[in-house]
Amino acid sequence: MTYQIIYSSDASIPMQSDELEDLLEQAREHNAQRGITGALVYVDGIFLQILEGEAATIKALMARISRDLRHEAVTVLQEGEVPSARFSDWKMAYIGATPEQLADWLCLPGTTPVVELFDGMRRDSSRVEGVAQSVLSVLSADRSDPASGPQGRA
């Protein structure tokens, strides 16, 4: 079985695209060495990340993320064993989502503030699974569309 953690955190300082690229490059290298797969979604200064791999490895990575000064208010939204890795094609996929896109994934109005979207996921863990499935759908669609750009790659 695969261990999966889905968490959110606030960026201590909003990240620019070059900083995100550096973060992703580091994560992909680290994850490749440790057999970790997953996806990172960044929306208006808030991270949503899905991590998959061996339980001890994922828990150690979460401890590291919790100490990382780039993250504040690290909140585990869902964790546990899953039958198989759903993000096994990606060492660390990336989606720069819009607030409207996240609201759509949560089946909420597109005008819902981002903070409320994440608060809703924190209060109702059943919404987290729907978001994870939406992320997977976006990544799979991007992979099959060569014109989709860098989103979702690696």
Protein backbone atom coordinates (compact mmCIF):
# COMPACT_ATOMS: atom_id res chain seq x y z
CA MET A 1 0.00 0.00 0.00
CA THR A 2 0.94 3.62 -0.51
CA TYR A 3 0.81 6.29 2.17
CA GLN A 4 -0.74 9.60 1.14
CA ILE A 5 -0.84 12.98 2.86
CA ILE A 6 -2.75 15.97 1.56
CA TYR A 7 -1.97 19.23 3.33
CA SER A 8 -2.35 22.95 2.94
CA SER A 9 -0.14 25.76 4.15
CA ASP A 10 0.19 29.49 3.76
CA ALA A 11 3.29 30.78 2.02
CA SER A 12 5.16 32.92 4.56
CA ILE A 13 5.91 35.28 1.67
CA PRO A 14 3.94 35.04 -1.60
CA MET A 15 6.13 33.23 -4.12
CA GLN A 16 7.06 34.52 -7.54
CA SER A 17 7.20 32.16 -10.52
CA ASP A 18 11.01 31.80 -10.39
CA GLU A 19 10.85 30.91 -6.68
CA LEU A 20 8.16 28.32 -7.40
CA GLU A 21 10.30 26.84 -10.18
CA ASP A 22 13.25 26.55 -7.80
CA LEU A 23 11.05 24.92 -5.17
CA LEU A 24 9.66 22.47 -7.72
CA GLU A 25 13.12 21.59 -9.04
CA GLN A 26 14.34 20.85 -5.51
CA ALA A 27 11.22 18.84 -4.69
CA ARG A 28 11.45 16.77 -7.86
CA GLU A 29 15.08 15.89 -7.22
CA HIS A 30 14.40 15.05 -3.57
CA ASN A 31 11.30 13.03 -4.41
CA ALA A 32 13.00 11.06 -7.19
CA GLN A 33 15.68 9.95 -4.74
CA ARG A 34 13.12 8.84 -2.16
CA GLY A 35 10.35 7.31 -4.27
CA ILE A 36 7.87 10.11 -3.55
CA THR A 37 5.23 11.21 -6.03
CA GLY A 38 2.59 13.90 -5.88
CA ALA A 39 1.30 17.27 -6.93
CA LEU A 40 1.56 20.85 -5.76
CA VAL A 41 -1.20 23.39 -6.28
CA TYR A 42 -0.50 27.06 -5.53
CA VAL A 43 -3.40 29.48 -5.28
CA ASP A 44 -3.01 33.08 -4.13
CA GLY A 45 -0.26 32.39 -1.60
CA ILE A 46 -1.65 29.08 -0.34
CA PHE A 47 -0.17 25.66 -1.05
CA LEU A 48 -2.15 22.46 -1.42
CA GLN A 49 0.09 19.45 -1.79
CA ILE A 50 -0.51 15.75 -2.28
CA LEU A 51 2.37 13.46 -1.32
CA GLU A 52 2.55 9.68 -1.86
CA GLY A 53 5.11 7.04 -0.98
CA GLU A 54 6.29 4.88 1.90
CA ALA A 55 4.71 5.95 5.22
CA ALA A 56 7.98 6.67 7.04
CA THR A 57 9.34 8.65 4.09
CA ILE A 58 6.18 10.75 3.72
CA LYS A 59 5.96 11.43 7.47
CA ALA A 60 9.62 12.51 7.53
CA LEU A 61 8.99 14.85 4.59
CA MET A 62 5.95 16.34 6.35
CA ALA A 63 8.07 17.00 9.44
CA ARG A 64 10.60 18.78 7.22
CA ILE A 65 7.86 20.84 5.51
CA SER A 66 6.43 21.80 8.92
CA ARG A 67 9.83 23.27 9.86
CA ASP A 68 10.35 24.99 6.48
CA LEU A 69 10.20 28.75 6.93
CA ARG A 70 8.44 29.13 3.56
CA HIS A 71 5.34 27.49 5.09
CA GLU A 72 3.01 28.77 7.79
CA ALA A 73 -0.11 27.17 9.24
CA VAL A 74 0.70 23.70 7.86
CA THR A 75 -2.53 21.71 8.13
CA VAL A 76 -2.89 18.04 7.25
CA LEU A 77 -6.24 17.72 5.49
CA GLN A 78 -6.14 13.96 4.90
CA GLU A 79 -3.66 11.17 5.49
CA GLY A 80 -3.50 7.40 5.46
CA GLU A 81 -2.95 4.31 3.38
CA VAL A 82 -4.35 4.26 -0.13
CA PRO A 83 -4.56 1.16 -2.35
CA SER A 84 -2.11 2.58 -4.89
CA ALA A 85 -0.35 5.80 -5.78
CA ARG A 86 -2.62 7.95 -7.93
CA PHE A 87 0.11 10.45 -8.81
CA SER A 88 2.79 7.88 -9.69
CA ASP A 89 3.45 9.57 -13.05
CA TRP A 90 4.69 12.75 -11.36
CA LYS A 91 7.66 13.29 -9.03
CA MET A 92 6.00 16.62 -8.29
CA ALA A 93 3.40 17.92 -10.67
CA TYR A 94 2.42 21.56 -10.47
CA ILE A 95 -0.80 23.46 -11.05
CA GLY A 96 -0.93 27.22 -10.67
CA ALA A 97 -4.66 27.25 -10.03
CA THR A 98 -6.95 30.23 -9.96
CA PRO A 99 -9.34 30.86 -7.07
CA GLU A 100 -12.22 30.21 -9.49
CA GLN A 101 -10.73 26.86 -10.51
CA LEU A 102 -10.36 25.77 -6.87
CA ALA A 103 -13.93 26.88 -6.17
CA ASP A 104 -15.10 24.81 -9.13
CA TRP A 105 -13.25 21.75 -7.77
CA LEU A 106 -15.07 22.27 -4.47
CA CYS A 107 -18.44 22.83 -6.20
CA LEU A 108 -18.67 26.30 -4.69
CA PRO A 109 -19.37 29.69 -6.28
CA GLY A 110 -16.40 31.16 -8.14
CA THR A 111 -16.66 34.29 -6.01
CA THR A 112 -15.84 32.43 -2.78
CA PRO A 113 -12.68 33.90 -1.22
CA VAL A 114 -9.64 31.59 -1.30
CA VAL A 115 -9.31 31.59 2.48
CA GLU A 116 -12.89 30.34 2.78
CA LEU A 117 -12.23 27.62 0.21
CA PHE A 118 -9.34 26.25 2.25
CA ASP A 119 -11.22 26.70 5.53
CA GLY A 120 -14.03 24.63 4.03
CA MET A 121 -11.62 21.82 3.19
CA ARG A 122 -10.17 21.95 6.70
CA ARG A 123 -13.66 21.64 8.20
CA ASP A 124 -14.99 19.02 5.79
CA SER A 125 -12.44 16.38 4.82
CA SER A 126 -14.86 14.84 2.32
CA ARG A 127 -14.15 17.82 0.05
CA VAL A 128 -10.43 17.02 0.01
CA GLU A 129 -10.92 13.82 -1.97
CA GLY A 130 -12.89 15.70 -4.62
CA VAL A 131 -10.11 18.26 -4.96
CA ALA A 132 -7.48 15.50 -5.26
CA GLN A 133 -9.52 13.89 -8.03
CA SER A 134 -9.88 17.24 -9.81
CA VAL A 135 -6.12 17.82 -9.61
CA LEU A 136 -5.53 14.38 -11.08
CA SER A 137 -8.02 15.09 -13.88
CA VAL A 138 -6.31 18.39 -14.77
CA LEU A 139 -2.88 16.74 -14.81
CA SER A 140 -4.08 13.84 -16.93
CA ALA A 141 -5.72 16.22 -19.41
CA ASP A 142 -2.56 18.36 -19.56
CA ARG A 143 -0.45 15.31 -20.22
CA SER A 144 -2.57 14.37 -23.23
CA ASP A 145 -2.59 17.93 -24.63
CA PRO A 146 0.84 19.04 -25.88
CA ALA A 147 -0.36 22.64 -26.12
CA SER A 148 -1.18 22.81 -22.42
CA GLY A 149 2.14 24.34 -21.36
CA PRO A 150 4.30 23.61 -18.32
CA GLN A 151 1.46 23.08 -15.87
CA GLY A 152 1.42 19.53 -14.62
CA ARG A 153 4.74 18.45 -16.06
CA ALA A 154 7.35 16.41 -14.17
